[in-house]
């Protein structure tokens, strides 16, 4: 069993090896990391740029595209979840005895409704960014402006993070 698991992991790493796959590996890693899975895509972009130095803008744009599509998937999951909850509540009415909202819930709801889709400029943040995309779907914020703000935030993150990594670690691996 361990040998099979080891060979499967090795096959996956060989398949996603950056020199042979390149930008499609960056796209895949960025897409997966934008969902609620804890994965960072900046090391993949940085590793690729250590191999292909002249591909800064294509790598950043492909990573932004993959991460934005992943954020849109999270938005869709939030939108689908609120529809499922609404359907469930229609069939199973429930009257809570106490109010379940709290001070933080009210503050965050007020903040997100006040900012609207522009709140998704913060979708690049490490801990709250991916759930923020899901919450935007839950709140049924307008889709197209949400995607645009998501893309801007994620693009600025990739430019900043990748530039900083290349500045701090300029040499080849």
N, C-alpha and C. Protein backbone atom coordinates (compact mmCIF):
# COMPACT_ATOMS: atom_id res chain seq x y z
N UNK A 1 0.83 -1.20 0.00
CA UNK A 1 0.00 0.00 0.00
C UNK A 1 0.86 1.25 0.00
N UNK A 2 1.92 1.26 0.84
CA UNK A 2 2.79 2.42 0.89
C UNK A 2 3.53 2.63 -0.42
N UNK A 3 3.94 1.55 -1.06
CA UNK A 3 4.65 1.67 -2.33
C UNK A 3 3.73 2.25 -3.39
N UNK A 4 2.47 1.82 -3.40
CA UNK A 4 1.51 2.35 -4.37
C UNK A 4 1.28 3.84 -4.13
N UNK A 5 1.14 4.24 -2.86
CA UNK A 5 0.93 5.64 -2.53
C UNK A 5 2.14 6.47 -2.92
N UNK A 6 3.32 5.98 -2.63
CA UNK A 6 4.55 6.68 -2.99
C UNK A 6 4.67 6.84 -4.50
N UNK A 7 4.38 5.76 -5.25
CA UNK A 7 4.49 5.85 -6.71
C UNK A 7 3.42 6.78 -7.29
N UNK A 8 2.23 6.82 -6.67
CA UNK A 8 1.18 7.73 -7.15
C UNK A 8 1.56 9.18 -6.93
N UNK A 9 2.12 9.47 -5.76
CA UNK A 9 2.56 10.84 -5.49
C UNK A 9 3.70 11.22 -6.41
N UNK A 10 4.62 10.31 -6.63
CA UNK A 10 5.74 10.59 -7.53
C UNK A 10 5.25 10.82 -8.95
N UNK A 11 4.27 10.05 -9.39
CA UNK A 11 3.70 10.25 -10.73
C UNK A 11 3.06 11.63 -10.84
N UNK A 12 2.31 12.04 -9.81
CA UNK A 12 1.67 13.36 -9.82
C UNK A 12 2.71 14.46 -9.88
N UNK A 13 3.78 14.34 -9.09
CA UNK A 13 4.83 15.35 -9.12
C UNK A 13 5.54 15.39 -10.46
N UNK A 14 5.78 14.22 -11.04
CA UNK A 14 6.41 14.17 -12.36
C UNK A 14 5.50 14.77 -13.43
N UNK A 15 4.18 14.55 -13.31
CA UNK A 15 3.24 15.08 -14.28
C UNK A 15 3.17 16.60 -14.21
N UNK A 16 3.21 17.14 -13.00
CA UNK A 16 3.13 18.58 -12.84
C UNK A 16 4.50 19.26 -12.79
N UNK A 17 5.55 18.54 -13.23
CA UNK A 17 6.88 19.13 -13.21
C UNK A 17 6.90 20.38 -14.08
N UNK A 18 7.38 21.46 -13.53
CA UNK A 18 7.31 22.74 -14.19
C UNK A 18 8.04 22.81 -15.54
N UNK A 19 9.25 22.24 -15.70
CA UNK A 19 9.89 22.39 -17.00
C UNK A 19 9.11 21.74 -18.14
N UNK A 20 8.44 20.64 -17.89
CA UNK A 20 7.75 19.97 -19.00
C UNK A 20 6.33 20.47 -19.19
N UNK A 21 5.68 20.96 -18.15
CA UNK A 21 4.28 21.39 -18.26
C UNK A 21 4.17 22.90 -18.31
N UNK A 22 4.90 23.62 -17.48
CA UNK A 22 4.97 25.06 -17.53
C UNK A 22 3.73 25.78 -17.05
N UNK A 23 3.19 26.61 -17.93
CA UNK A 23 2.09 27.49 -17.55
C UNK A 23 0.82 26.74 -17.18
N UNK A 24 0.60 25.57 -17.75
CA UNK A 24 -0.60 24.82 -17.39
C UNK A 24 -0.52 24.32 -15.95
N UNK A 25 0.68 24.02 -15.46
CA UNK A 25 0.84 23.64 -14.06
C UNK A 25 0.55 24.83 -13.16
N UNK A 26 1.00 26.01 -13.54
CA UNK A 26 0.72 27.22 -12.76
C UNK A 26 -0.78 27.47 -12.72
N UNK A 27 -1.44 27.34 -13.87
CA UNK A 27 -2.88 27.53 -13.93
C UNK A 27 -3.61 26.56 -13.00
N UNK A 28 -3.23 25.30 -13.05
CA UNK A 28 -3.88 24.27 -12.23
C UNK A 28 -3.67 24.52 -10.74
N UNK A 29 -2.44 24.82 -10.36
CA UNK A 29 -2.16 25.07 -8.95
C UNK A 29 -2.89 26.33 -8.47
N UNK A 30 -2.92 27.37 -9.30
CA UNK A 30 -3.61 28.60 -8.92
C UNK A 30 -5.11 28.38 -8.81
N UNK A 31 -5.68 27.59 -9.70
CA UNK A 31 -7.11 27.29 -9.65
C UNK A 31 -7.46 26.52 -8.38
N UNK A 32 -6.68 25.51 -8.06
CA UNK A 32 -6.95 24.70 -6.87
C UNK A 32 -6.74 25.51 -5.60
N UNK A 33 -5.73 26.38 -5.60
CA UNK A 33 -5.45 27.15 -4.38
C UNK A 33 -6.50 28.23 -4.13
N UNK A 34 -7.30 28.57 -5.11
CA UNK A 34 -8.34 29.60 -4.91
C UNK A 34 -9.61 29.02 -4.32
N UNK A 35 -9.72 27.71 -4.30
CA UNK A 35 -10.87 27.12 -3.62
C UNK A 35 -10.53 27.06 -2.13
N UNK A 36 -11.31 26.38 -1.37
CA UNK A 36 -11.08 26.36 0.07
C UNK A 36 -9.98 25.40 0.49
N UNK A 37 -9.25 24.82 -0.47
CA UNK A 37 -8.14 23.93 -0.14
C UNK A 37 -6.92 24.76 0.25
N UNK A 38 -6.22 24.39 1.29
CA UNK A 38 -5.06 25.19 1.72
C UNK A 38 -3.83 24.89 0.88
N UNK A 39 -3.66 25.64 -0.16
CA UNK A 39 -2.53 25.45 -1.08
C UNK A 39 -2.09 26.82 -1.56
N UNK A 40 -0.82 27.05 -1.61
CA UNK A 40 -0.31 28.32 -2.11
C UNK A 40 0.22 28.17 -3.51
N UNK A 41 -0.08 29.14 -4.36
CA UNK A 41 0.37 29.04 -5.75
C UNK A 41 1.60 29.91 -6.02
N UNK A 42 1.96 30.80 -5.11
CA UNK A 42 3.11 31.66 -5.34
C UNK A 42 4.41 30.87 -5.49
N UNK A 43 4.64 29.79 -4.72
CA UNK A 43 5.87 29.02 -4.94
C UNK A 43 5.94 28.40 -6.34
N UNK A 44 4.80 28.01 -6.90
CA UNK A 44 4.81 27.45 -8.25
C UNK A 44 5.19 28.52 -9.27
N UNK A 45 4.64 29.71 -9.10
CA UNK A 45 4.98 30.81 -10.02
C UNK A 45 6.46 31.17 -9.87
N UNK A 46 6.92 31.27 -8.63
CA UNK A 46 8.32 31.60 -8.39
C UNK A 46 9.25 30.53 -8.95
N UNK A 47 8.91 29.25 -8.73
CA UNK A 47 9.73 28.16 -9.26
C UNK A 47 9.79 28.18 -10.78
N UNK A 48 8.66 28.46 -11.41
CA UNK A 48 8.64 28.53 -12.87
C UNK A 48 9.51 29.68 -13.37
N UNK A 49 9.44 30.81 -12.68
CA UNK A 49 10.23 31.97 -13.11
C UNK A 49 11.72 31.78 -12.86
N UNK A 50 12.08 30.89 -11.95
CA UNK A 50 13.49 30.56 -11.77
C UNK A 50 14.00 29.75 -12.97
N UNK A 51 13.10 29.03 -13.61
CA UNK A 51 13.48 28.22 -14.77
C UNK A 51 13.38 29.03 -16.06
N UNK A 52 12.30 29.79 -16.21
CA UNK A 52 12.05 30.58 -17.42
C UNK A 52 12.01 32.05 -17.01
N UNK A 53 13.14 32.71 -17.01
CA UNK A 53 13.25 34.07 -16.49
C UNK A 53 12.42 35.09 -17.25
N UNK A 54 12.28 34.95 -18.52
CA UNK A 54 11.58 35.95 -19.33
C UNK A 54 10.07 35.80 -19.37
N UNK A 55 9.52 34.94 -18.55
CA UNK A 55 8.09 34.66 -18.60
C UNK A 55 7.33 35.27 -17.42
N UNK A 56 7.80 36.41 -16.90
CA UNK A 56 7.16 37.01 -15.73
C UNK A 56 5.70 37.33 -15.99
N UNK A 57 5.42 38.13 -17.01
CA UNK A 57 4.03 38.56 -17.25
C UNK A 57 3.13 37.41 -17.68
N UNK A 58 3.56 36.50 -18.57
CA UNK A 58 2.67 35.37 -18.86
C UNK A 58 2.38 34.51 -17.63
N UNK A 59 3.37 34.29 -16.78
CA UNK A 59 3.16 33.48 -15.57
C UNK A 59 2.19 34.18 -14.62
N UNK A 60 2.36 35.49 -14.43
CA UNK A 60 1.48 36.24 -13.54
C UNK A 60 0.05 36.25 -14.10
N UNK A 61 -0.09 36.44 -15.39
CA UNK A 61 -1.44 36.49 -15.99
C UNK A 61 -2.13 35.13 -15.94
N UNK A 62 -1.39 34.06 -16.19
CA UNK A 62 -1.98 32.72 -16.14
C UNK A 62 -2.36 32.37 -14.70
N UNK A 63 -1.51 32.72 -13.74
CA UNK A 63 -1.83 32.47 -12.34
C UNK A 63 -3.05 33.29 -11.91
N UNK A 64 -3.12 34.54 -12.37
CA UNK A 64 -4.29 35.37 -12.05
C UNK A 64 -5.55 34.79 -12.64
N UNK A 65 -5.49 34.32 -13.87
CA UNK A 65 -6.65 33.71 -14.52
C UNK A 65 -7.11 32.47 -13.76
N UNK A 66 -6.18 31.59 -13.45
CA UNK A 66 -6.54 30.37 -12.71
C UNK A 66 -7.10 30.67 -11.34
N UNK A 67 -6.49 31.62 -10.63
CA UNK A 67 -6.96 31.97 -9.29
C UNK A 67 -8.31 32.66 -9.34
N UNK A 68 -8.55 33.46 -10.36
CA UNK A 68 -9.85 34.13 -10.51
C UNK A 68 -10.94 33.13 -10.84
N UNK A 69 -10.65 32.18 -11.69
CA UNK A 69 -11.64 31.14 -12.00
C UNK A 69 -11.93 30.31 -10.75
N UNK A 70 -10.90 30.01 -9.97
CA UNK A 70 -11.11 29.29 -8.71
C UNK A 70 -11.96 30.11 -7.74
N UNK A 71 -11.73 31.42 -7.67
CA UNK A 71 -12.56 32.29 -6.84
C UNK A 71 -13.99 32.34 -7.32
N UNK A 72 -14.18 32.28 -8.63
CA UNK A 72 -15.53 32.26 -9.20
C UNK A 72 -16.23 30.95 -8.85
N UNK A 73 -15.49 29.86 -8.81
CA UNK A 73 -16.06 28.58 -8.38
C UNK A 73 -16.51 28.68 -6.93
N UNK A 74 -15.67 29.30 -6.09
CA UNK A 74 -16.05 29.49 -4.68
C UNK A 74 -17.29 30.37 -4.58
N UNK A 75 -17.37 31.41 -5.39
CA UNK A 75 -18.56 32.27 -5.44
C UNK A 75 -19.79 31.43 -5.79
N UNK A 76 -19.65 30.57 -6.78
CA UNK A 76 -20.76 29.70 -7.19
C UNK A 76 -21.16 28.73 -6.09
N UNK A 77 -20.18 28.23 -5.34
CA UNK A 77 -20.51 27.33 -4.23
C UNK A 77 -21.30 28.08 -3.15
N UNK A 78 -20.92 29.33 -2.87
CA UNK A 78 -21.67 30.12 -1.90
C UNK A 78 -23.07 30.43 -2.38
N UNK A 79 -23.20 30.74 -3.67
CA UNK A 79 -24.51 31.03 -4.25
C UNK A 79 -25.40 29.78 -4.22
N UNK A 80 -24.82 28.64 -4.55
CA UNK A 80 -25.58 27.39 -4.51
C UNK A 80 -25.95 27.00 -3.09
N UNK A 81 -25.08 27.29 -2.13
CA UNK A 81 -25.37 26.95 -0.74
C UNK A 81 -26.54 27.74 -0.21
N UNK A 82 -26.63 29.03 -0.54
CA UNK A 82 -27.75 29.84 -0.05
C UNK A 82 -29.05 29.37 -0.69
N UNK A 83 -28.99 28.96 -1.94
CA UNK A 83 -30.21 28.42 -2.57
C UNK A 83 -30.64 27.13 -1.90
N UNK A 84 -29.69 26.27 -1.57
CA UNK A 84 -30.02 25.02 -0.89
C UNK A 84 -30.60 25.27 0.50
N UNK A 85 -30.04 26.23 1.22
CA UNK A 85 -30.56 26.56 2.55
C UNK A 85 -31.97 27.14 2.44
N UNK A 86 -32.18 28.01 1.47
CA UNK A 86 -33.53 28.58 1.28
C UNK A 86 -34.54 27.49 0.96
N UNK A 87 -34.18 26.56 0.11
CA UNK A 87 -35.07 25.45 -0.23
C UNK A 87 -35.36 24.58 0.98
N UNK A 88 -34.33 24.35 1.79
CA UNK A 88 -34.52 23.55 3.00
C UNK A 88 -35.44 24.27 3.98
N UNK A 89 -35.26 25.56 4.13
CA UNK A 89 -36.08 26.32 5.06
C UNK A 89 -37.54 26.38 4.62
N UNK A 90 -37.79 26.33 3.33
CA UNK A 90 -39.18 26.30 2.85
C UNK A 90 -39.87 25.01 3.28
N UNK A 91 -39.15 23.92 3.24
CA UNK A 91 -39.74 22.62 3.58
C UNK A 91 -39.73 22.35 5.08
N UNK A 92 -38.78 22.94 5.79
CA UNK A 92 -38.63 22.70 7.22
C UNK A 92 -38.57 24.03 7.96
N UNK A 93 -39.70 24.64 8.22
CA UNK A 93 -39.68 25.93 8.92
C UNK A 93 -39.15 25.75 10.34
N UNK A 94 -38.35 26.69 10.73
CA UNK A 94 -37.71 26.62 12.05
C UNK A 94 -37.78 28.00 12.69
N UNK A 95 -38.24 28.05 13.88
CA UNK A 95 -38.31 29.30 14.62
C UNK A 95 -37.29 29.25 15.76
N UNK A 96 -36.17 29.95 15.62
CA UNK A 96 -35.17 29.90 16.68
C UNK A 96 -35.68 30.61 17.95
N UNK A 97 -35.23 30.11 19.06
CA UNK A 97 -35.65 30.69 20.35
C UNK A 97 -34.86 31.96 20.66
N UNK A 98 -33.60 32.00 20.21
CA UNK A 98 -32.77 33.18 20.43
C UNK A 98 -32.18 33.63 19.11
N UNK A 99 -31.76 34.86 19.08
CA UNK A 99 -31.12 35.37 17.88
C UNK A 99 -29.72 34.76 17.76
N UNK A 100 -29.41 34.22 16.59
CA UNK A 100 -28.12 33.54 16.42
C UNK A 100 -27.04 34.48 15.93
N UNK A 101 -27.40 35.67 15.51
CA UNK A 101 -26.37 36.58 15.04
C UNK A 101 -25.71 37.25 16.23
N UNK A 102 -24.50 37.66 16.03
CA UNK A 102 -23.74 38.34 17.08
C UNK A 102 -23.18 39.63 16.56
N UNK A 103 -22.40 40.26 17.39
CA UNK A 103 -21.83 41.55 17.03
C UNK A 103 -20.94 41.45 15.79
N UNK A 104 -20.07 40.43 15.74
CA UNK A 104 -19.17 40.29 14.60
C UNK A 104 -19.92 39.95 13.33
N UNK A 105 -20.92 39.09 13.43
CA UNK A 105 -21.72 38.74 12.27
C UNK A 105 -22.41 39.98 11.70
N UNK A 106 -22.99 40.78 12.57
CA UNK A 106 -23.66 42.00 12.11
C UNK A 106 -22.68 42.98 11.49
N UNK A 107 -21.50 43.12 12.08
CA UNK A 107 -20.50 44.05 11.56
C UNK A 107 -19.99 43.61 10.20
N UNK A 108 -19.67 42.33 10.06
CA UNK A 108 -19.15 41.83 8.78
C UNK A 108 -20.23 41.92 7.70
N UNK A 109 -21.47 41.59 8.04
CA UNK A 109 -22.55 41.71 7.06
C UNK A 109 -22.73 43.15 6.62
N UNK A 110 -22.70 44.07 7.58
CA UNK A 110 -22.83 45.50 7.25
C UNK A 110 -21.69 45.94 6.35
N UNK A 111 -20.47 45.51 6.68
CA UNK A 111 -19.30 45.91 5.92
C UNK A 111 -19.36 45.38 4.48
N UNK A 112 -19.74 44.11 4.32
CA UNK A 112 -19.80 43.52 2.98
C UNK A 112 -20.92 44.13 2.15
N UNK A 113 -22.06 44.40 2.75
CA UNK A 113 -23.15 45.03 2.00
C UNK A 113 -22.80 46.47 1.64
N UNK A 114 -22.07 47.14 2.51
CA UNK A 114 -21.69 48.52 2.25
C UNK A 114 -20.68 48.59 1.10
N UNK A 115 -19.67 47.74 1.13
CA UNK A 115 -18.65 47.74 0.08
C UNK A 115 -19.13 47.09 -1.21
N UNK A 116 -19.98 46.10 -1.10
CA UNK A 116 -20.46 45.39 -2.29
C UNK A 116 -19.35 44.59 -2.94
N UNK A 117 -19.38 44.47 -4.26
CA UNK A 117 -18.36 43.68 -4.96
C UNK A 117 -16.93 44.18 -4.77
N UNK A 118 -16.77 45.48 -4.47
CA UNK A 118 -15.40 45.98 -4.29
C UNK A 118 -14.72 45.36 -3.07
N UNK A 119 -15.47 44.74 -2.18
CA UNK A 119 -14.85 44.03 -1.05
C UNK A 119 -13.97 42.88 -1.55
N UNK A 120 -14.24 42.41 -2.75
CA UNK A 120 -13.46 41.28 -3.28
C UNK A 120 -12.07 41.69 -3.73
N UNK A 121 -11.74 42.98 -3.64
CA UNK A 121 -10.34 43.37 -3.81
C UNK A 121 -9.48 42.70 -2.74
N UNK A 122 -10.10 42.33 -1.61
CA UNK A 122 -9.39 41.67 -0.52
C UNK A 122 -9.40 40.15 -0.65
N UNK A 123 -9.80 39.63 -1.80
CA UNK A 123 -9.83 38.18 -1.98
C UNK A 123 -8.42 37.59 -2.07
N UNK A 124 -7.42 38.40 -2.13
CA UNK A 124 -6.04 37.93 -2.17
C UNK A 124 -5.49 37.62 -0.78
N UNK A 125 -6.18 38.06 0.27
CA UNK A 125 -5.67 37.85 1.62
C UNK A 125 -5.55 36.36 1.95
N UNK A 126 -4.53 35.98 2.70
CA UNK A 126 -4.26 34.57 2.92
C UNK A 126 -5.36 33.77 3.61
N UNK A 127 -5.93 34.23 4.70
CA UNK A 127 -6.87 33.40 5.45
C UNK A 127 -8.32 33.70 5.08
N UNK A 128 -8.64 34.95 4.88
CA UNK A 128 -10.04 35.33 4.66
C UNK A 128 -10.40 35.49 3.19
N UNK A 129 -9.43 35.47 2.30
CA UNK A 129 -9.70 35.75 0.89
C UNK A 129 -10.59 34.74 0.20
N UNK A 130 -10.28 33.45 0.35
CA UNK A 130 -11.08 32.42 -0.32
C UNK A 130 -12.48 32.32 0.27
N UNK A 131 -12.64 32.34 1.58
CA UNK A 131 -14.01 32.35 2.11
C UNK A 131 -14.78 33.62 1.74
N UNK A 132 -14.07 34.73 1.53
CA UNK A 132 -14.73 35.97 1.13
C UNK A 132 -15.44 35.80 -0.21
N UNK A 133 -14.84 35.05 -1.12
CA UNK A 133 -15.48 34.79 -2.41
C UNK A 133 -16.75 33.98 -2.22
N UNK A 134 -16.72 33.00 -1.32
CA UNK A 134 -17.92 32.20 -1.04
C UNK A 134 -19.00 33.05 -0.39
N UNK A 135 -18.60 33.93 0.51
CA UNK A 135 -19.58 34.80 1.18
C UNK A 135 -20.21 35.75 0.17
N UNK A 136 -19.43 36.21 -0.81
CA UNK A 136 -19.99 37.08 -1.84
C UNK A 136 -21.08 36.35 -2.63
N UNK A 137 -20.87 35.07 -2.90
CA UNK A 137 -21.91 34.28 -3.56
C UNK A 137 -23.11 34.09 -2.65
N UNK A 138 -22.85 33.86 -1.36
CA UNK A 138 -23.92 33.69 -0.38
C UNK A 138 -24.78 34.94 -0.30
N UNK A 139 -24.13 36.12 -0.34
CA UNK A 139 -24.86 37.38 -0.27
C UNK A 139 -25.46 37.80 -1.60
N UNK A 140 -25.21 37.00 -2.63
CA UNK A 140 -25.71 37.25 -3.98
C UNK A 140 -25.28 38.62 -4.51
N UNK A 141 -23.99 38.93 -4.29
CA UNK A 141 -23.44 40.15 -4.89
C UNK A 141 -23.41 39.98 -6.40
N UNK A 142 -23.49 41.06 -7.17
CA UNK A 142 -23.48 40.94 -8.63
C UNK A 142 -22.24 40.20 -9.14
N UNK A 143 -22.45 39.25 -10.04
CA UNK A 143 -21.38 38.34 -10.46
C UNK A 143 -20.26 39.05 -11.23
N UNK A 144 -20.59 39.77 -12.29
CA UNK A 144 -19.54 40.35 -13.13
C UNK A 144 -18.66 41.35 -12.38
N UNK A 145 -19.24 42.30 -11.62
CA UNK A 145 -18.35 43.18 -10.85
C UNK A 145 -17.53 42.41 -9.81
N UNK A 146 -18.10 41.35 -9.25
CA UNK A 146 -17.36 40.55 -8.28
C UNK A 146 -16.15 39.89 -8.94
N UNK A 147 -16.33 39.36 -10.13
CA UNK A 147 -15.21 38.73 -10.84
C UNK A 147 -14.14 39.75 -11.18
N UNK A 148 -14.56 40.94 -11.60
CA UNK A 148 -13.59 41.98 -11.97
C UNK A 148 -12.76 42.39 -10.76
N UNK A 149 -13.42 42.65 -9.63
CA UNK A 149 -12.68 43.03 -8.43
C UNK A 149 -11.81 41.89 -7.92
N UNK A 150 -12.29 40.67 -8.03
CA UNK A 150 -11.49 39.51 -7.66
C UNK A 150 -10.21 39.46 -8.49
N UNK A 151 -10.35 39.62 -9.79
CA UNK A 151 -9.21 39.55 -10.70
C UNK A 151 -8.20 40.65 -10.41
N UNK A 152 -8.68 41.86 -10.14
CA UNK A 152 -7.76 42.96 -9.84
C UNK A 152 -6.96 42.66 -8.56
N UNK A 153 -7.65 42.22 -7.52
CA UNK A 153 -6.96 41.91 -6.27
C UNK A 153 -5.95 40.79 -6.42
N UNK A 154 -6.33 39.76 -7.13
CA UNK A 154 -5.43 38.61 -7.30
C UNK A 154 -4.25 38.97 -8.19
N UNK A 155 -4.48 39.79 -9.23
CA UNK A 155 -3.40 40.24 -10.09
C UNK A 155 -2.37 41.04 -9.30
N UNK A 156 -2.86 41.98 -8.48
CA UNK A 156 -1.94 42.79 -7.68
C UNK A 156 -1.15 41.93 -6.70
N UNK A 157 -1.80 40.89 -6.15
CA UNK A 157 -1.08 40.00 -5.25
C UNK A 157 0.05 39.27 -5.98
N UNK A 158 -0.25 38.72 -7.16
CA UNK A 158 0.79 37.98 -7.87
C UNK A 158 1.94 38.88 -8.30
N UNK A 159 1.63 40.08 -8.76
CA UNK A 159 2.70 41.00 -9.16
C UNK A 159 3.56 41.34 -7.94
N UNK A 160 2.93 41.67 -6.82
CA UNK A 160 3.67 42.06 -5.62
C UNK A 160 4.47 40.89 -5.05
N UNK A 161 3.80 39.76 -4.84
CA UNK A 161 4.48 38.62 -4.22
C UNK A 161 5.60 38.08 -5.09
N UNK A 162 5.35 37.95 -6.37
CA UNK A 162 6.36 37.39 -7.26
C UNK A 162 7.54 38.35 -7.41
N UNK A 163 7.25 39.64 -7.52
CA UNK A 163 8.34 40.62 -7.60
C UNK A 163 9.17 40.60 -6.32
N UNK A 164 8.51 40.52 -5.18
CA UNK A 164 9.24 40.49 -3.91
C UNK A 164 10.10 39.23 -3.81
N UNK A 165 9.55 38.08 -4.19
CA UNK A 165 10.33 36.84 -4.14
C UNK A 165 11.53 36.91 -5.08
N UNK A 166 11.33 37.45 -6.28
CA UNK A 166 12.45 37.56 -7.22
C UNK A 166 13.48 38.58 -6.75
N UNK A 167 13.05 39.58 -6.01
CA UNK A 167 13.99 40.56 -5.49
C UNK A 167 14.82 39.98 -4.34
N UNK A 168 14.14 39.23 -3.44
CA UNK A 168 14.85 38.64 -2.31
C UNK A 168 15.70 37.44 -2.71
N UNK A 169 15.28 36.70 -3.72
CA UNK A 169 16.00 35.51 -4.18
C UNK A 169 16.28 35.63 -5.68
N UNK A 170 17.22 36.48 -6.07
CA UNK A 170 17.41 36.75 -7.50
C UNK A 170 18.10 35.64 -8.28
N UNK A 171 18.88 34.81 -7.64
CA UNK A 171 19.66 33.81 -8.37
C UNK A 171 18.87 32.59 -8.73
N UNK A 172 19.50 31.78 -9.55
CA UNK A 172 18.90 30.50 -9.93
C UNK A 172 18.93 29.57 -8.74
N UNK A 173 18.02 28.60 -8.77
CA UNK A 173 17.96 27.59 -7.69
C UNK A 173 19.15 26.67 -7.78
